[in-house]
Protein backbone atom coordinates (compact mmCIF):
# COMPACT_ATOMS: atom_id res chain seq x y z
CA PRO A 1 0.00 0.00 0.00
CA PRO A 2 1.20 3.54 -0.73
CA ASP A 3 0.60 4.62 2.93
CA THR A 4 3.15 2.16 4.28
CA PRO A 5 6.40 3.94 5.23
CA GLY A 6 9.51 2.64 3.38
CA VAL A 7 7.54 0.89 0.62
CA VAL A 8 7.97 2.34 -2.83
CA MET A 9 5.80 1.14 -5.70
CA SER A 10 7.85 0.48 -8.80
CA PRO A 11 6.48 0.69 -12.37
CA LEU A 12 8.87 -2.07 -13.52
CA PRO A 13 6.40 -4.95 -13.50
CA ARG A 14 4.15 -3.01 -15.85
CA MET A 15 7.04 -2.08 -18.18
CA MET A 16 8.19 -5.70 -18.49
CA THR A 17 4.85 -6.72 -19.98
CA ASN A 18 4.92 -3.95 -22.56
CA PRO A 19 4.66 -5.48 -26.08
CA ILE A 20 7.63 -3.39 -27.23
CA HIS A 21 9.91 -5.63 -25.14
CA GLU A 22 8.66 -8.94 -26.59
CA ALA A 23 11.06 -11.05 -28.65
CA PRO A 24 10.57 -10.79 -32.43
CA ALA A 25 8.90 -13.70 -34.17
CA PRO A 26 11.30 -16.06 -35.99
CA PRO A 27 11.46 -15.65 -39.78
CA PRO A 28 9.30 -18.04 -41.79
CA ALA A 29 10.96 -21.27 -42.89
CA PRO A 30 11.96 -21.47 -46.58
CA PRO A 31 9.75 -23.69 -48.71
CA PRO A 32 10.98 -27.29 -49.04
CA PRO A 33 12.66 -28.22 -52.33
CA PRO A 34 10.44 -30.05 -54.80
CA ALA A 35 10.39 -33.81 -54.26
CA ASP A 36 11.19 -34.42 -57.93
CA PRO A 37 12.80 -31.45 -59.72
CA TRP A 38 12.70 -33.33 -63.04
CA ALA A 39 9.03 -34.38 -62.86
CA ASP A 40 8.03 -32.04 -65.70
CA ALA A 41 10.91 -33.06 -67.99
CA VAL A 42 9.94 -34.78 -71.24
CA LEU A 43 11.66 -38.11 -71.86
CA SER A 44 10.73 -39.32 -75.33
CA PRO A 45 10.98 -43.01 -76.30
CA GLU A 46 14.44 -44.01 -77.51
CA PRO A 47 14.78 -43.57 -81.29
CA ALA A 48 15.89 -46.67 -83.23
CA ALA A 49 18.47 -44.67 -85.19
CA GLY A 50 19.87 -41.16 -85.23
CA GLY A 51 19.28 -38.83 -82.33
CA VAL A 52 21.81 -37.94 -79.67
CA MET A 53 23.88 -40.81 -78.23
CA VAL A 54 25.00 -40.41 -74.63
CA ALA A 55 27.05 -42.80 -72.47
CA PHE A 56 26.24 -42.63 -68.75
CA ARG A 57 28.74 -43.47 -66.00
CA GLY A 58 28.29 -43.37 -62.27
CA PRO A 59 26.96 -45.20 -59.22
CA GLY A 60 24.19 -47.52 -60.39
CA ILE A 61 24.42 -46.66 -64.09
CA GLN A 62 26.79 -47.75 -66.87
CA ARG A 63 24.98 -47.65 -70.22
CA LYS A 64 24.43 -45.86 -73.51
CA ARG A 65 21.15 -44.48 -74.78
CA ARG A 66 19.86 -42.47 -77.73
CA PHE A 67 17.68 -39.41 -77.15
CA VAL A 68 15.49 -37.34 -79.45
CA GLU A 69 17.47 -34.27 -80.56
CA THR A 70 14.72 -31.85 -79.56
CA ASP A 71 14.40 -33.19 -76.00
CA ALA A 72 15.91 -30.84 -73.43
CA VAL A 73 18.95 -31.61 -71.27
CA ALA A 74 16.43 -32.16 -68.44
CA ALA A 75 15.58 -35.47 -70.16
CA LEU A 76 19.05 -36.76 -69.21
CA PHE A 77 18.32 -36.05 -65.56
CA LYS A 78 14.93 -37.72 -65.76
CA TYR A 79 16.48 -40.79 -67.41
CA VAL A 80 19.24 -41.10 -64.78
CA GLN A 81 16.71 -40.65 -61.99
CA ALA A 82 14.55 -43.44 -63.42
CA GLU A 83 17.41 -45.85 -64.22
CA ALA A 84 19.95 -45.32 -61.40
CA LYS A 85 17.40 -44.38 -58.72
CA PRO A 86 19.84 -42.25 -56.66
CA ALA A 87 18.73 -41.95 -53.03
CA GLY A 88 19.57 -38.25 -52.81
CA GLY A 89 20.48 -35.40 -55.08
CA PHE A 90 22.77 -35.78 -58.06
CA ASP A 91 24.39 -33.75 -60.78
CA LEU A 92 25.43 -34.64 -64.31
CA LEU A 93 28.81 -33.57 -65.66
CA CYS A 94 30.05 -33.73 -69.24
CA GLY A 95 33.26 -32.96 -71.12
CA PHE A 96 36.74 -31.96 -70.04
CA PRO A 97 37.05 -29.96 -67.98
CA PRO A 98 33.75 -31.27 -66.61
CA ARG A 99 30.83 -28.87 -66.94
CA GLN A 100 27.56 -29.09 -65.05
CA LEU A 101 24.54 -29.85 -67.18
CA ALA A 102 21.86 -28.63 -64.72
CA PRO A 103 22.20 -24.96 -65.77
CA MET A 104 21.46 -26.09 -69.35
CA ALA A 105 18.28 -27.98 -68.36
CA SER A 106 16.09 -26.23 -70.96
CA THR A 107 18.65 -26.44 -73.80
CA PRO A 108 17.77 -28.88 -76.61
CA LEU A 109 20.15 -31.86 -76.64
CA LYS A 110 21.22 -31.10 -80.23
CA ASP A 111 22.61 -27.74 -78.97
CA ALA A 112 24.11 -29.00 -75.69
CA ASP A 113 27.26 -30.66 -77.12
CA VAL A 114 26.57 -34.01 -75.46
CA HIS A 115 26.33 -36.24 -78.56
CA GLY A 116 28.90 -39.04 -78.30
CA GLN A 117 30.00 -37.81 -74.87
CA ALA A 118 30.30 -39.64 -71.56
CA VAL A 119 28.04 -38.08 -68.93
CA GLN A 120 29.17 -38.65 -65.34
CA MET A 121 26.62 -38.86 -62.55
CA LYS A 122 27.88 -37.34 -59.30
CA LEU A 123 25.93 -37.79 -56.06
CA THR A 124 25.48 -34.53 -54.19
CA SER A 125 23.72 -35.68 -51.01
């Protein structure tokens, strides 16, 4: 009580509950990566002759396959995903020095300089 000698009422308890002093909310979590980044890629049936011939090398895959020239580089990723079934992420490298093919995902195979090349699958996770 304010009439009691020696007792001073402090405004601190009221200040500590002021919303200005509350901790900021954590930032929202980033969206999860898509479960299958190559789900929309077109993988045409293998042509009997012609096309783009690619040799694949890596864990779980050692084979050659022909692709339709107008299919995009993304078709290579879809093929490797279906055939090698990597448990995590992977990248495809081609040429010397090795160059990543993922940045060229929308490039037609005929323009990607992969015909007759060995494409190396590298696990990333």
